[in-house]
Amino acid sequence: MNHVVEAFIVLPGGVDTMEGLFTLISWASEGLHNRPIGLLNIDGYFNNLLKFLDDAVRQNFMASSQRKLFISSFFDDELLDKLEFAKAFPGPGAGYDEFANPERLDLELHL
């Protein structure tokens, strides 16, 4: 599937949704895909997950470059804007310049 998409967007959901989300993050970390991953944070659904990830980085259980894989927004239009200019995995120790993508993604729905 990841060879036909330009970005992944995760909506609030249950255990299977979380499994899929972490699979995408794992694959990006391992270099199996380079697509940005967005969280549509409806009603703050992902707030506790994002806090958990921040704590994992602070306690050195997760690299900050992996934390940057999670691009979130409360609003769909804003999330799409963020995803258009993002790379999924900039690499260890990358700064903002490496994280920003000079090329816009084509996020138009093509049916």
PDB file of N, CA and C in Angstrom:
ATOM      1  N   MET A   1       0.815  -1.193   0.000  1.00  0.00           N
ATOM      2  CA  MET A   1       0.000   0.000   0.000  1.00  0.00           C
ATOM      3  C   MET A   1       0.863   1.265   0.000  1.00  0.00           C
ATOM      4  N   ASN A   2       1.980   1.248   0.734  1.00  0.00           N
ATOM      5  CA  ASN A   2       2.736   2.487   0.889  1.00  0.00           C
ATOM      6  C   ASN A   2       3.392   2.969  -0.393  1.00  0.00           C
ATOM      7  N   HIS A   3       3.393   2.175  -1.461  1.00  0.00           N
ATOM      8  CA  HIS A   3       3.976   2.637  -2.720  1.00  0.00           C
ATOM      9  C   HIS A   3       2.987   3.456  -3.544  1.00  0.00           C
ATOM     10  N   VAL A   4       1.713   3.521  -3.142  1.00  0.00           N
ATOM     11  CA  VAL A   4       0.716   4.273  -3.909  1.00  0.00           C
ATOM     12  C   VAL A   4       0.190   5.498  -3.164  1.00  0.00           C
ATOM     13  N   VAL A   5       0.674   5.769  -1.959  1.00  0.00           N
ATOM     14  CA  VAL A   5       0.202   6.919  -1.192  1.00  0.00           C
ATOM     15  C   VAL A   5       1.332   7.923  -1.002  1.00  0.00           C
ATOM     16  N   GLU A   6       0.955   9.176  -0.752  1.00  0.00           N
ATOM     17  CA  GLU A   6       1.963  10.208  -0.495  1.00  0.00           C
ATOM     18  C   GLU A   6       2.022  10.605   0.967  1.00  0.00           C
ATOM     19  N   ALA A   7       1.031  10.184   1.756  1.00  0.00           N
ATOM     20  CA  ALA A   7       1.014  10.456   3.191  1.00  0.00           C
ATOM     21  C   ALA A   7       0.014   9.511   3.841  1.00  0.00           C
ATOM     22  N   PHE A   8       0.189   9.302   5.139  1.00  0.00           N
ATOM     23  CA  PHE A   8      -0.762   8.523   5.923  1.00  0.00           C
ATOM     24  C   PHE A   8      -1.448   9.459   6.901  1.00  0.00           C
ATOM     25  N   ILE A   9      -2.749   9.280   7.103  1.00  0.00           N
ATOM     26  CA  ILE A   9      -3.489  10.048   8.099  1.00  0.00           C
ATOM     27  C   ILE A   9      -4.209   9.057   8.999  1.00  0.00           C
ATOM     28  N   VAL A  10      -4.008   9.219  10.306  1.00  0.00           N
ATOM     29  CA  VAL A  10      -4.616   8.328  11.287  1.00  0.00           C
ATOM     30  C   VAL A  10      -5.704   9.100  12.023  1.00  0.00           C
ATOM     31  N   LEU A  11      -6.885   8.512  12.076  1.00  0.00           N
ATOM     32  CA  LEU A  11      -8.024   9.080  12.789  1.00  0.00           C
ATOM     33  C   LEU A  11      -8.164   8.381  14.136  1.00  0.00           C
ATOM     34  N   PRO A  12      -8.868   8.986  15.089  1.00  0.00           N
ATOM     35  CA  PRO A  12      -9.090   8.314  16.369  1.00  0.00           C
ATOM     36  C   PRO A  12      -9.696   6.930  16.161  1.00  0.00           C
ATOM     37  N   GLY A  13      -9.237   5.980  16.947  1.00  0.00           N
ATOM     38  CA  GLY A  13      -9.731   4.619  16.827  1.00  0.00           C
ATOM     39  C   GLY A  13      -9.267   3.773  17.994  1.00  0.00           C
ATOM     40  N   GLY A  14      -9.429   2.480  17.859  1.00  0.00           N
ATOM     41  CA  GLY A  14      -9.126   1.548  18.933  1.00  0.00           C
ATOM     42  C   GLY A  14      -7.751   0.922  18.815  1.00  0.00           C
ATOM     43  N   VAL A  15      -7.633  -0.262  19.383  1.00  0.00           N
ATOM     44  CA  VAL A  15      -6.358  -0.964  19.457  1.00  0.00           C
ATOM     45  C   VAL A  15      -5.789  -1.243  18.067  1.00  0.00           C
ATOM     46  N   ASP A  16      -6.627  -1.653  17.139  1.00  0.00           N
ATOM     47  CA  ASP A  16      -6.137  -1.936  15.784  1.00  0.00           C
ATOM     48  C   ASP A  16      -5.597  -0.682  15.108  1.00  0.00           C
ATOM     49  N   THR A  17      -6.219   0.459  15.379  1.00  0.00           N
ATOM     50  CA  THR A  17      -5.727   1.728  14.838  1.00  0.00           C
ATOM     51  C   THR A  17      -4.343   2.038  15.399  1.00  0.00           C
ATOM     52  N   MET A  18      -4.164   1.842  16.716  1.00  0.00           N
ATOM     53  CA  MET A  18      -2.867   2.101  17.343  1.00  0.00           C
ATOM     54  C   MET A  18      -1.806   1.141  16.804  1.00  0.00           C
ATOM     55  N   GLU A  19      -2.190  -0.119  16.598  1.00  0.00           N
ATOM     56  CA  GLU A  19      -1.244  -1.081  16.026  1.00  0.00           C
ATOM     57  C   GLU A  19      -0.796  -0.623  14.635  1.00  0.00           C
ATOM     58  N   GLY A  20      -1.747  -0.194  13.824  1.00  0.00           N
ATOM     59  CA  GLY A  20      -1.407   0.299  12.491  1.00  0.00           C
ATOM     60  C   GLY A  20      -0.517   1.523  12.546  1.00  0.00           C
ATOM     61  N   LEU A  21      -0.816   2.438  13.463  1.00  0.00           N
ATOM     62  CA  LEU A  21      -0.016   3.650  13.614  1.00  0.00           C
ATOM     63  C   LEU A  21       1.426   3.305  13.972  1.00  0.00           C
ATOM     64  N   PHE A  22       1.620   2.468  14.964  1.00  0.00           N
ATOM     65  CA  PHE A  22       2.978   2.135  15.381  1.00  0.00           C
ATOM     66  C   PHE A  22       3.701   1.281  14.346  1.00  0.00           C
ATOM     67  N   THR A  23       2.971   0.519  13.565  1.00  0.00           N
ATOM     68  CA  THR A  23       3.589  -0.207  12.455  1.00  0.00           C
ATOM     69  C   THR A  23       4.142   0.778  11.431  1.00  0.00           C
ATOM     70  N   LEU A  24       3.365   1.807  11.109  1.00  0.00           N
ATOM     71  CA  LEU A  24       3.838   2.829  10.164  1.00  0.00           C
ATOM     72  C   LEU A  24       5.085   3.530  10.683  1.00  0.00           C
ATOM     73  N   ILE A  25       5.094   3.863  11.967  1.00  0.00           N
ATOM     74  CA  ILE A  25       6.248   4.526  12.570  1.00  0.00           C
ATOM     75  C   ILE A  25       7.464   3.603  12.529  1.00  0.00           C
ATOM     76  N   SER A  26       7.256   2.347  12.872  1.00  0.00           N
ATOM     77  CA  SER A  26       8.351   1.379  12.842  1.00  0.00           C
ATOM     78  C   SER A  26       8.912   1.227  11.433  1.00  0.00           C
ATOM     79  N   TRP A  27       8.041   1.103  10.454  1.00  0.00           N
ATOM     80  CA  TRP A  27       8.490   0.964   9.067  1.00  0.00           C
ATOM     81  C   TRP A  27       9.282   2.188   8.612  1.00  0.00           C
ATOM     82  N   ALA A  28       8.822   3.373   8.979  1.00  0.00           N
ATOM     83  CA  ALA A  28       9.550   4.587   8.598  1.00  0.00           C
ATOM     84  C   ALA A  28      10.924   4.614   9.261  1.00  0.00           C
ATOM     85  N   SER A  29      10.983   4.242  10.534  1.00  0.00           N
ATOM     86  CA  SER A  29      12.259   4.220  11.253  1.00  0.00           C
ATOM     87  C   SER A  29      13.236   3.239  10.631  1.00  0.00           C
ATOM     88  N   GLU A  30      12.707   2.149  10.073  1.00  0.00           N
ATOM     89  CA  GLU A  30      13.546   1.127   9.450  1.00  0.00           C
ATOM     90  C   GLU A  30      13.827   1.408   7.977  1.00  0.00           C
ATOM     91  N   GLY A  31      13.293   2.517   7.456  1.00  0.00           N
ATOM     92  CA  GLY A  31      13.535   2.887   6.075  1.00  0.00           C
ATOM     93  C   GLY A  31      12.650   2.177   5.066  1.00  0.00           C
ATOM     94  N   LEU A  32      11.568   1.549   5.509  1.00  0.00           N
ATOM     95  CA  LEU A  32      10.683   0.830   4.596  1.00  0.00           C
ATOM     96  C   LEU A  32       9.716   1.751   3.856  1.00  0.00           C
ATOM     97  N   HIS A  33       9.522   2.958   4.367  1.00  0.00           N
ATOM     98  CA  HIS A  33       8.769   3.980   3.636  1.00  0.00           C
ATOM     99  C   HIS A  33       9.247   5.346   4.103  1.00  0.00           C
ATOM    100  N   ASN A  34       8.969   6.368   3.311  1.00  0.00           N
ATOM    101  CA  ASN A  34       9.381   7.734   3.672  1.00  0.00           C
ATOM    102  C   ASN A  34       8.205   8.691   3.577  1.00  0.00           C
ATOM    103  N   ARG A  35       7.023   8.210   3.914  1.00  0.00           N
ATOM    104  CA  ARG A  35       5.812   9.031   3.828  1.00  0.00           C
ATOM    105  C   ARG A  35       5.522   9.683   5.179  1.00  0.00           C
ATOM    106  N   PRO A  36       5.073  10.934   5.178  1.00  0.00           N
ATOM    107  CA  PRO A  36       4.690  11.565   6.443  1.00  0.00           C
ATOM    108  C   PRO A  36       3.446  10.903   7.026  1.00  0.00           C
ATOM    109  N   ILE A  37       3.339  10.940   8.356  1.00  0.00           N
ATOM    110  CA  ILE A  37       2.234  10.309   9.071  1.00  0.00           C
ATOM    111  C   ILE A  37       1.551  11.367   9.921  1.00  0.00           C
ATOM    112  N   GLY A  38       0.279  11.613   9.637  1.00  0.00           N
ATOM    113  CA  GLY A  38      -0.470  12.638  10.351  1.00  0.00           C
ATOM    114  C   GLY A  38      -1.492  12.049  11.298  1.00  0.00           C
ATOM    115  N   LEU A  39      -1.675  12.725  12.432  1.00  0.00           N
ATOM    116  CA  LEU A  39      -2.702  12.357  13.403  1.00  0.00           C
ATOM    117  C   LEU A  39      -3.762  13.443  13.407  1.00  0.00           C
ATOM    118  N   LEU A  40      -4.986  13.108  13.057  1.00  0.00           N
ATOM    119  CA  LEU A  40      -6.083  14.064  13.160  1.00  0.00           C
ATOM    120  C   LEU A  40      -6.593  13.990  14.594  1.00  0.00           C
ATOM    121  N   ASN A  41      -6.200  14.948  15.391  1.00  0.00           N
ATOM    122  CA  ASN A  41      -6.391  14.936  16.842  1.00  0.00           C
ATOM    123  C   ASN A  41      -7.763  15.491  17.229  1.00  0.00           C
ATOM    124  N   ILE A  42      -8.809  14.822  16.791  1.00  0.00           N
ATOM    125  CA  ILE A  42     -10.188  15.264  17.037  1.00  0.00           C
ATOM    126  C   ILE A  42     -10.471  15.238  18.535  1.00  0.00           C
ATOM    127  N   ASP A  43     -10.950  16.371  19.063  1.00  0.00           N
ATOM    128  CA  ASP A  43     -11.283  16.511  20.489  1.00  0.00           C
ATOM    129  C   ASP A  43     -10.127  16.098  21.400  1.00  0.00           C
ATOM    130  N   GLY A  44      -8.887  16.277  20.931  1.00  0.00           N
ATOM    131  CA  GLY A  44      -7.718  15.961  21.744  1.00  0.00           C
ATOM    132  C   GLY A  44      -7.501  14.474  21.982  1.00  0.00           C
ATOM    133  N   TYR A  45      -8.051  13.646  21.100  1.00  0.00           N
ATOM    134  CA  TYR A  45      -7.983  12.187  21.268  1.00  0.00           C
ATOM    135  C   TYR A  45      -6.549  11.686  21.449  1.00  0.00           C
ATOM    136  N   PHE A  46      -5.606  12.246  20.707  1.00  0.00           N
ATOM    137  CA  PHE A  46      -4.225  11.761  20.746  1.00  0.00           C
ATOM    138  C   PHE A  46      -3.355  12.511  21.758  1.00  0.00           C
ATOM    139  N   ASN A  47      -3.923  13.423  22.558  1.00  0.00           N
ATOM    140  CA  ASN A  47      -3.119  14.213  23.496  1.00  0.00           C
ATOM    141  C   ASN A  47      -2.298  13.340  24.443  1.00  0.00           C
ATOM    142  N   ASN A  48      -2.931  12.324  25.040  1.00  0.00           N
ATOM    143  CA  ASN A  48      -2.200  11.463  25.979  1.00  0.00           C
ATOM    144  C   ASN A  48      -1.119  10.651  25.276  1.00  0.00           C
ATOM    145  N   LEU A  49      -1.383  10.216  24.060  1.00  0.00           N
ATOM    146  CA  LEU A  49      -0.362   9.498  23.293  1.00  0.00           C
ATOM    147  C   LEU A  49       0.828  10.416  23.020  1.00  0.00           C
ATOM    148  N   LEU A  50       0.563  11.650  22.609  1.00  0.00           N
ATOM    149  CA  LEU A  50       1.642  12.598  22.321  1.00  0.00           C
ATOM    150  C   LEU A  50       2.441  12.914  23.582  1.00  0.00           C
ATOM    151  N   LYS A  51       1.756  13.049  24.724  1.00  0.00           N
ATOM    152  CA  LYS A  51       2.453  13.273  25.996  1.00  0.00           C
ATOM    153  C   LYS A  51       3.323  12.065  26.342  1.00  0.00           C
ATOM    154  N   PHE A  52       2.786  10.865  26.149  1.00  0.00           N
ATOM    155  CA  PHE A  52       3.554   9.641  26.385  1.00  0.00           C
ATOM    156  C   PHE A  52       4.826   9.630  25.533  1.00  0.00           C
ATOM    157  N   LEU A  53       4.692   9.995  24.266  1.00  0.00           N
ATOM    158  CA  LEU A  53       5.845  10.010  23.367  1.00  0.00           C
ATOM    159  C   LEU A  53       6.865  11.057  23.800  1.00  0.00           C
ATOM    160  N   ASP A  54       6.390  12.233  24.224  1.00  0.00           N
ATOM    161  CA  ASP A  54       7.303  13.263  24.731  1.00  0.00           C
ATOM    162  C   ASP A  54       8.064  12.751  25.957  1.00  0.00           C
ATOM    163  N   ASP A  55       7.345  12.060  26.861  1.00  0.00           N
ATOM    164  CA  ASP A  55       7.992  11.481  28.042  1.00  0.00           C
ATOM    165  C   ASP A  55       9.009  10.413  27.641  1.00  0.00           C
ATOM    166  N   ALA A  56       8.674   9.602  26.637  1.00  0.00           N
ATOM    167  CA  ALA A  56       9.598   8.562  26.172  1.00  0.00           C
ATOM    168  C   ALA A  56      10.885   9.180  25.633  1.00  0.00           C
ATOM    169  N   VAL A  57      10.772  10.300  24.932  1.00  0.00           N
ATOM    170  CA  VAL A  57      11.964  10.999  24.429  1.00  0.00           C
ATOM    171  C   VAL A  57      12.762  11.556  25.600  1.00  0.00           C
ATOM    172  N   ARG A  58      12.078  12.221  26.527  1.00  0.00           N
ATOM    173  CA  ARG A  58      12.755  12.838  27.669  1.00  0.00           C
ATOM    174  C   ARG A  58      13.501  11.788  28.504  1.00  0.00           C
ATOM    175  N   GLN A  59      12.949  10.573  28.584  1.00  0.00           N
ATOM    176  CA  GLN A  59      13.566   9.514  29.385  1.00  0.00           C
ATOM    177  C   GLN A  59      14.479   8.601  28.545  1.00  0.00           C
ATOM    178  N   ASN A  60      14.756   9.026  27.302  1.00  0.00           N
ATOM    179  CA  ASN A  60      15.675   8.312  26.401  1.00  0.00           C
ATOM    180  C   ASN A  60      15.213   6.908  26.004  1.00  0.00           C
ATOM    181  N   PHE A  61      13.902   6.704  25.941  1.00  0.00           N
ATOM    182  CA  PHE A  61      13.369   5.452  25.415  1.00  0.00           C
ATOM    183  C   PHE A  61      13.020   5.572  23.937  1.00  0.00           C
ATOM    184  N   MET A  62      13.068   6.780  23.412  1.00  0.00           N
ATOM    185  CA  MET A  62      12.701   7.035  22.019  1.00  0.00           C
ATOM    186  C   MET A  62      13.554   8.192  21.510  1.00  0.00           C
ATOM    187  N   ALA A  63      14.023   8.082  20.290  1.00  0.00           N
ATOM    188  CA  ALA A  63      14.814   9.166  19.696  1.00  0.00           C
ATOM    189  C   ALA A  63      13.905  10.335  19.323  1.00  0.00           C
ATOM    190  N   SER A  64      14.403  11.542  19.485  1.00  0.00           N
ATOM    191  CA  SER A  64      13.593  12.712  19.121  1.00  0.00           C
ATOM    192  C   SER A  64      13.264  12.709  17.634  1.00  0.00           C
ATOM    193  N   SER A  65      14.145  12.126  16.817  1.00  0.00           N
ATOM    194  CA  SER A  65      13.850  12.046  15.382  1.00  0.00           C
ATOM    195  C   SER A  65      12.642  11.151  15.122  1.00  0.00           C
ATOM    196  N   GLN A  66      12.446  10.125  15.943  1.00  0.00           N
ATOM    197  CA  GLN A  66      11.252   9.290  15.803  1.00  0.00           C
ATOM    198  C   GLN A  66      10.007  10.052  16.243  1.00  0.00           C
ATOM    199  N   ARG A  67      10.132  10.865  17.275  1.00  0.00           N
ATOM    200  CA  ARG A  67       8.985  11.656  17.756  1.00  0.00           C
ATOM    201  C   ARG A  67       8.498  12.611  16.670  1.00  0.00           C
ATOM    202  N   LYS A  68       9.421  13.111  15.861  1.00  0.00           N
ATOM    203  CA  LYS A  68       9.057  14.054  14.797  1.00  0.00           C
ATOM    204  C   LYS A  68       8.206  13.410  13.713  1.00  0.00           C
ATOM    205  N   LEU A  69       8.155  12.088  13.689  1.00  0.00           N
ATOM    206  CA  LEU A  69       7.327  11.400  12.703  1.00  0.00           C
ATOM    207  C   LEU A  69       5.848  11.695  12.907  1.00  0.00           C
ATOM    208  N   PHE A  70       5.453  11.989  14.130  1.00  0.00           N
ATOM    209  CA  PHE A  70       4.052  12.237  14.446  1.00  0.00           C
ATOM    210  C   PHE A  70       3.720  13.699  14.178  1.00  0.00           C
ATOM    211  N   ILE A  71       2.956  13.946  13.140  1.00  0.00           N
ATOM    212  CA  ILE A  71       2.521  15.293  12.779  1.00  0.00           C
ATOM    213  C   ILE A  71       1.042  15.369  13.117  1.00  0.00           C
ATOM    214  N   SER A  72       0.671  16.277  14.019  1.00  0.00           N
ATOM    215  CA  SER A  72      -0.718  16.281  14.473  1.00  0.00           C
ATOM    216  C   SER A  72      -1.350  17.658  14.347  1.00  0.00           C
ATOM    217  N   SER A  73      -2.663  17.638  14.281  1.00  0.00           N
ATOM    218  CA  SER A  73      -3.449  18.865  14.256  1.00  0.00           C
ATOM    219  C   SER A  73      -4.873  18.539  14.679  1.00  0.00           C
ATOM    220  N   PHE A  74      -5.545  19.548  15.245  1.00  0.00           N
ATOM    221  CA  PHE A  74      -6.954  19.409  15.604  1.00  0.00           C
ATOM    222  C   PHE A  74      -7.853  19.579  14.386  1.00  0.00           C
ATOM    223  N   PHE A  75      -7.314  20.158  13.316  1.00  0.00           N
ATOM    224  CA  PHE A  75      -8.129  20.522  12.151  1.00  0.00           C
ATOM    225  C   PHE A  75      -7.610  19.828  10.894  1.00  0.00           C
ATOM    226  N   ASP A  76      -8.519  19.316  10.079  1.00  0.00           N
ATOM    227  CA  ASP A  76      -8.117  18.560   8.892  1.00  0.00           C
ATOM    228  C   ASP A  76      -7.345  19.408   7.888  1.00  0.00           C
ATOM    229  N   ASP A  77      -7.796  20.635   7.626  1.00  0.00           N
ATOM    230  CA  ASP A  77      -7.093  21.489   6.663  1.00  0.00           C
ATOM    231  C   ASP A  77      -5.672  21.800   7.121  1.00  0.00           C
ATOM    232  N   GLU A  78      -5.517  22.090   8.409  1.00  0.00           N
ATOM    233  CA  GLU A  78      -4.194  22.385   8.953  1.00  0.00           C
ATOM    234  C   GLU A  78      -3.287  21.152   8.885  1.00  0.00           C
ATOM    235  N   LEU A  79      -3.838  19.981   9.171  1.00  0.00           N
ATOM    236  CA  LEU A  79      -3.049  18.753   9.093  1.00  0.00           C
ATOM    237  C   LEU A  79      -2.557  18.518   7.672  1.00  0.00           C
ATOM    238  N   LEU A  80      -3.433  18.712   6.694  1.00  0.00           N
ATOM    239  CA  LEU A  80      -3.025  18.546   5.296  1.00  0.00           C
ATOM    240  C   LEU A  80      -1.924  19.527   4.925  1.00  0.00           C
ATOM    241  N   ASP A  81      -2.032  20.778   5.398  1.00  0.00           N
ATOM    242  CA  ASP A  81      -0.984  21.767   5.132  1.00  0.00           C
ATOM    243  C   ASP A  81       0.351  21.318   5.729  1.00  0.00           C
ATOM    244  N   LYS A  82       0.319  20.842   6.969  1.00  0.00           N
ATOM    245  CA  LYS A  82       1.551  20.377   7.613  1.00  0.00           C
ATOM    246  C   LYS A  82       2.150  19.187   6.862  1.00  0.00           C
ATOM    247  N   LEU A  83       1.296  18.268   6.431  1.00  0.00           N
ATOM    248  CA  LEU A  83       1.779  17.075   5.738  1.00  0.00           C
ATOM    249  C   LEU A  83       2.378  17.405   4.378  1.00  0.00           C
ATOM    250  N   GLU A  84       1.861  18.438   3.731  1.00  0.00           N
ATOM    251  CA  GLU A  84       2.388  18.807   2.411  1.00  0.00           C
ATOM    252  C   GLU A  84       3.855  19.197   2.461  1.00  0.00           C
ATOM    253  N   PHE A  85       4.307  19.683   3.597  1.00  0.00           N
ATOM    254  CA  PHE A  85       5.677  20.173   3.716  1.00  0.00           C
ATOM    255  C   PHE A  85       6.536  19.317   4.635  1.00  0.00           C
ATOM    256  N   ALA A  86       6.142  18.081   4.869  1.00  0.00           N
ATOM    257  CA  ALA A  86       6.867  17.245   5.822  1.00  0.00           C
ATOM    258  C   ALA A  86       7.458  16.020   5.155  1.00  0.00           C
ATOM    259  N   LYS A  87       8.562  15.583   5.701  1.00  0.00           N
ATOM    260  CA  LYS A  87       9.133  14.290   5.356  1.00  0.00           C
ATOM    261  C   LYS A  87       8.839  13.360   6.529  1.00  0.00           C
ATOM    262  N   ALA A  88       8.697  12.094   6.262  1.00  0.00           N
ATOM    263  CA  ALA A  88       8.366  11.167   7.342  1.00  0.00           C
ATOM    264  C   ALA A  88       9.539  10.958   8.294  1.00  0.00           C
ATOM    265  N   PHE A  89      10.707  10.654   7.782  1.00  0.00           N
ATOM    266  CA  PHE A  89      11.827  10.350   8.665  1.00  0.00           C
ATOM    267  C   PHE A  89      13.071  11.078   8.194  1.00  0.00           C
ATOM    268  N   PRO A  90      13.395  12.200   8.830  1.00  0.00           N
ATOM    269  CA  PRO A  90      14.529  13.003   8.385  1.00  0.00           C
ATOM    270  C   PRO A  90      15.880  12.389   8.729  1.00  0.00           C
ATOM    271  N   GLY A  91      15.918  11.424   9.602  1.00  0.00           N
ATOM    272  CA  GLY A  91      17.176  10.799   9.993  1.00  0.00           C
ATOM    273  C   GLY A  91      17.603  11.236  11.380  1.00  0.00           C
ATOM    274  N   PRO A  92      18.462  10.478  12.020  1.00  0.00           N
ATOM    275  CA  PRO A  92      18.899  10.790  13.377  1.00  0.00           C
ATOM    276  C   PRO A  92      19.564  12.159  13.465  1.00  0.00           C
ATOM    277  N   GLY A  93      19.172  12.928  14.450  1.00  0.00           N
ATOM    278  CA  GLY A  93      19.785  14.221  14.696  1.00  0.00           C
ATOM    279  C   GLY A  93      19.437  15.309  13.706  1.00  0.00           C
ATOM    280  N   ALA A  94      18.451  15.096  12.868  1.00  0.00           N
ATOM    281  CA  ALA A  94      18.093  16.099  11.859  1.00  0.00           C
ATOM    282  C   ALA A  94      17.415  17.295  12.512  1.00  0.00           C
ATOM    283  N   GLY A  95      17.698  18.475  11.988  1.00  0.00           N
ATOM    284  CA  GLY A  95      17.042  19.681  12.449  1.00  0.00           C
ATOM    285  C   GLY A  95      15.856  20.022  11.569  1.00  0.00           C
ATOM    286  N   TYR A  96      15.287  21.198  11.808  1.00  0.00           N
ATOM    287  CA  TYR A  96      14.091  21.583  11.059  1.00  0.00           C
ATOM    288  C   TYR A  96      14.365  21.670   9.562  1.00  0.00           C
ATOM    289  N   ASP A  97      15.545  22.166   9.166  1.00  0.00           N
ATOM    290  CA  ASP A  97      15.850  22.310   7.741  1.00  0.00           C
ATOM    291  C   ASP A  97      15.794  20.970   7.013  1.00  0.00           C
ATOM    292  N   GLU A  98      16.232  19.917   7.677  1.00  0.00           N
ATOM    293  CA  GLU A  98      16.159  18.598   7.065  1.00  0.00           C
ATOM    294  C   GLU A  98      14.739  18.033   7.110  1.00  0.00           C
ATOM    295  N   PHE A  99      13.949  18.526   8.074  1.00  0.00           N
ATOM    296  CA  PHE A  99      12.585  18.015   8.259  1.00  0.00           C
ATOM    297  C   PHE A  99      11.617  18.647   7.272  1.00  0.00           C
ATOM    298  N   ALA A 100      11.858  19.899   6.900  1.00  0.00           N
ATOM    299  CA  ALA A 100      10.970  20.587   5.955  1.00  0.00           C
ATOM    300  C   ALA A 100      11.267  20.103   4.543  1.00  0.00           C
ATOM    301  N   ASN A 101      10.237  19.865   3.800  1.00  0.00           N
ATOM    302  CA  ASN A 101      10.372  19.351   2.436  1.00  0.00           C
ATOM    303  C   ASN A 101      10.189  20.507   1.459  1.00  0.00           C
ATOM    304  N   PRO A 102      11.177  20.794   0.612  1.00  0.00           N
ATOM    305  CA  PRO A 102      11.025  21.905  -0.324  1.00  0.00           C
ATOM    306  C   PRO A 102       9.970  21.649  -1.399  1.00  0.00           C
ATOM    307  N   GLU A 103       9.609  20.401  -1.607  1.00  0.00           N
ATOM    308  CA  GLU A 103       8.597  20.079  -2.609  1.00  0.00           C
ATOM    309  C   GLU A 103       7.284  19.762  -1.909  1.00  0.00           C
ATOM    310  N   ARG A 104       6.182  20.252  -2.479  1.00  0.00           N
ATOM    311  CA  ARG A 104       4.870  19.966  -1.906  1.00  0.00           C
ATOM    312  C   ARG A 104       4.400  18.598  -2.393  1.00  0.00           C
ATOM    313  N   LEU A 105       3.726  17.887  -1.506  1.00  0.00           N
ATOM    314  CA  LEU A 105       3.126  16.617  -1.892  1.00  0.00           C
ATOM    315  C   LEU A 105       1.808  16.872  -2.593  1.00  0.00           C
ATOM    316  N   ASP A 106       1.410  15.966  -3.449  1.00  0.00           N
ATOM    317  CA  ASP A 106       0.099  16.035  -4.102  1.00  0.00           C
ATOM    318  C   ASP A 106      -0.894  15.299  -3.219  1.00  0.00           C
ATOM    319  N   LEU A 107      -1.634  16.035  -2.384  1.00  0.00           N
ATOM    320  CA  LEU A 107      -2.581  15.423  -1.465  1.00  0.00           C
ATOM    321  C   LEU A 107      -4.013  15.539  -1.953  1.00  0.00           C
ATOM    322  N   GLU A 108      -4.194  15.787  -3.239  1.00  0.00           N
ATOM    323  CA  GLU A 108      -5.535  15.818  -3.821  1.00  0.00           C
ATOM    324  C   GLU A 108      -6.095  14.402  -3.866  1.00  0.00           C
ATOM    325  N   LEU A 109      -7.377  14.278  -3.648  1.00  0.00           N
ATOM    326  CA  LEU A 109      -8.025  12.978  -3.726  1.00  0.00           C
ATOM    327  C   LEU A 109      -8.235  12.624  -5.184  1.00  0.00           C
ATOM    328  N   HIS A 110      -7.647  11.520  -5.616  1.00  0.00           N
ATOM    329  CA  HIS A 110      -7.772  11.064  -7.000  1.00  0.00           C
ATOM    330  C   HIS A 110      -8.586   9.781  -7.015  1.00  0.00           C
ATOM    331  N   LEU A 111      -9.792   9.845  -7.549  1.00  0.00           N
ATOM    332  CA  LEU A 111     -10.650   8.652  -7.606  1.00  0.00           C
ATOM    333  C   LEU A 111     -10.687   8.086  -9.001  1.00  0.00           C
TER     334      LEU A 111
END
